Amino acid sequence: MELLFCLLPHLLLALVSKPLLPSQGEEKVPILMYHHIRVPPAGAKRLERILTVTPDDFYNQMDALYKAGFKTISLRELFEKRWEKRFIITLDDGYKDVLTEAYPILASFGFKATIFVIINEIGKPGHLNWWDIKFLESQGWEVGSHTMSHLNLTHLSPSQQWKEIYESKRILEEKLGHPIYFISYPAGRFNEQVIQLVKEAGYLGAVTTIPGKINRIEDNYKLKRVRINGGTPLSYFKEKVLEGNNKTLKISHSPSR
């Protein structure tokens, strides 16, 4: 008994000093996945139509979330911010319409987003340039890597994988002047070797195209997202994002980028 009383202060100190990880519960936060926000061009193929949400539809979706009391958080805040009605917006590929169409709509609601850019596409026609990316950051947006070239990482050699994963992070950090914490796997393709390289490169996490919105910090390199396809009826959007806020989503998985 005397030994127990002697050890008790040390045991209490250990318990107090040990960080309490929110990972011990499930986070049911929708991570919405978008690509283009624009009117599809004439003659657009099926995949391009799937990846394109019109500005009107995007506005109505954000309006529904705003009226339901939702607020945006960043990926870094996923396991930190604890209020109930939270969601995350991600936009893959770094298209120019992110700035011209998505940004004004999101700003009107006080929402922010995370963009995943492909390094070799930055500054090309139809894509964001470095000034655009820096401007969005200045507005509170988060920037992540979508690799150097948007290649299927699982088909590359280890040295090629490292270049796609690490070099994209290094260049973003050099250009933007701060650490980059998240990566989006091109086309959602990854395996355990890719995850290991992502960890070694210094990322805190990665998003996938796996459908769902129940995420745990233990799976921080396999974060699920809710794909929002072009032409999604608002009633379906509300059902899956609002009414289904406390349920695992089972959304049809379309061809992805």
Foldseek 3Di string as FASTA:
>chain_A
DVVCVVCVVVVVVVVVPDDDFLLVDWQLAAAEEAEAADDDDPPDDPVVQFRYAYLVRLLLLVVVLLVVPAAEDDLVCRRPDDDQRYYAYEYEAAFPCCQVRVVVSCVVSPHEHEYAHAQCCAPPPRGHHLVSVLVSVVSVYAYAYQFHHLDQLVPDDLVVLLNRQQVRQVVCCVSNVDGHAEYEHRQQHDDPSSLVSNVVSPHLAYEGDAAWRTDGSVRRNYGYHHYDTYPDDSVNSCVQVPVCSPDTDDDDRDRGD
